[in-house]
Amino acid sequence: MALEVTTGEDGMIYIRETDEPEVVAVTTPEKWDAFVKGVKAGEFDHFVEDAE
């Protein structure tokens, strides 16, 4: 599984998984930027700590 992310002509951010490309989540650029900052800061690491 991989994520595909693009910006639409309307300026919104479109996100989908390669395993289910027909399901698309849409968010604002501001919310996407906040999410990316959280990932870089390790805010979501607890979700994958026990994944291995």
C-alpha atoms as a PDB file:
ATOM      1  CA  MET A   1       0.000   0.000   0.000  1.00  0.00           C
ATOM      2  CA  ALA A   2       1.130   3.507  -0.782  1.00  0.00           C
ATOM      3  CA  LEU A   3      -0.513   6.898  -0.559  1.00  0.00           C
ATOM      4  CA  GLU A   4      -0.958   9.122  -3.561  1.00  0.00           C
ATOM      5  CA  VAL A   5      -1.399  12.822  -2.887  1.00  0.00           C
ATOM      6  CA  THR A   6      -2.142  15.592  -5.367  1.00  0.00           C
ATOM      7  CA  THR A   7      -3.464  19.124  -5.430  1.00  0.00           C
ATOM      8  CA  GLY A   8      -6.620  19.617  -7.473  1.00  0.00           C
ATOM      9  CA  GLU A   9      -7.436  22.561  -9.693  1.00  0.00           C
ATOM     10  CA  ASP A  10      -9.637  23.797  -6.834  1.00  0.00           C
ATOM     11  CA  GLY A  11      -6.615  23.985  -4.500  1.00  0.00           C
ATOM     12  CA  MET A  12      -7.808  21.106  -2.318  1.00  0.00           C
ATOM     13  CA  ILE A  13      -5.583  18.129  -1.447  1.00  0.00           C
ATOM     14  CA  TYR A  14      -6.715  14.721  -2.740  1.00  0.00           C
ATOM     15  CA  ILE A  15      -5.401  11.561  -1.035  1.00  0.00           C
ATOM     16  CA  ARG A  16      -5.936   7.905  -1.911  1.00  0.00           C
ATOM     17  CA  GLU A  17      -4.406   4.505  -1.233  1.00  0.00           C
ATOM     18  CA  THR A  18      -3.090   2.534  -4.169  1.00  0.00           C
ATOM     19  CA  ASP A  19      -4.965  -0.540  -2.865  1.00  0.00           C
ATOM     20  CA  GLU A  20      -8.320   1.288  -3.024  1.00  0.00           C
ATOM     21  CA  PRO A  21      -7.937   4.060  -5.616  1.00  0.00           C
ATOM     22  CA  GLU A  22     -11.679   4.627  -5.866  1.00  0.00           C
ATOM     23  CA  VAL A  23     -11.759   5.932  -2.257  1.00  0.00           C
ATOM     24  CA  VAL A  24     -10.495   9.513  -2.165  1.00  0.00           C
ATOM     25  CA  ALA A  25     -10.139  11.733   0.891  1.00  0.00           C
ATOM     26  CA  VAL A  26     -10.186  15.484   0.361  1.00  0.00           C
ATOM     27  CA  THR A  27      -8.712  18.070   2.719  1.00  0.00           C
ATOM     28  CA  THR A  28      -7.514  21.645   2.769  1.00  0.00           C
ATOM     29  CA  PRO A  29      -3.883  22.612   2.192  1.00  0.00           C
ATOM     30  CA  GLU A  30      -3.737  23.951   5.757  1.00  0.00           C
ATOM     31  CA  LYS A  31      -4.877  20.652   7.274  1.00  0.00           C
ATOM     32  CA  TRP A  32      -2.480  18.707   5.042  1.00  0.00           C
ATOM     33  CA  ASP A  33       0.430  20.927   6.121  1.00  0.00           C
ATOM     34  CA  ALA A  34      -0.489  20.398   9.787  1.00  0.00           C
ATOM     35  CA  PHE A  35      -0.592  16.624   9.234  1.00  0.00           C
ATOM     36  CA  VAL A  36       2.818  16.598   7.523  1.00  0.00           C
ATOM     37  CA  LYS A  37       4.324  18.665  10.345  1.00  0.00           C
ATOM     38  CA  GLY A  38       2.888  16.185  12.848  1.00  0.00           C
ATOM     39  CA  VAL A  39       4.399  13.237  10.979  1.00  0.00           C
ATOM     40  CA  LYS A  40       7.806  14.930  10.882  1.00  0.00           C
ATOM     41  CA  ALA A  41       7.552  15.699  14.613  1.00  0.00           C
ATOM     42  CA  GLY A  42       6.809  12.035  15.416  1.00  0.00           C
ATOM     43  CA  GLU A  43       3.268  12.664  16.673  1.00  0.00           C
ATOM     44  CA  PHE A  44       1.978   9.475  15.039  1.00  0.00           C
ATOM     45  CA  ASP A  45       4.895   7.134  15.723  1.00  0.00           C
ATOM     46  CA  HIS A  46       2.924   5.289  18.398  1.00  0.00           C
ATOM     47  CA  PHE A  47       0.678   3.892  15.652  1.00  0.00           C
ATOM     48  CA  VAL A  48       3.559   1.919  14.132  1.00  0.00           C
ATOM     49  CA  GLU A  49       5.803   1.140  17.102  1.00  0.00           C
ATOM     50  CA  ASP A  50       4.370  -2.364  17.500  1.00  0.00           C
ATOM     51  CA  ALA A  51       3.700  -2.998  13.807  1.00  0.00           C
ATOM     52  CA  GLU A  52       6.788  -5.141  13.279  1.00  0.00           C
END
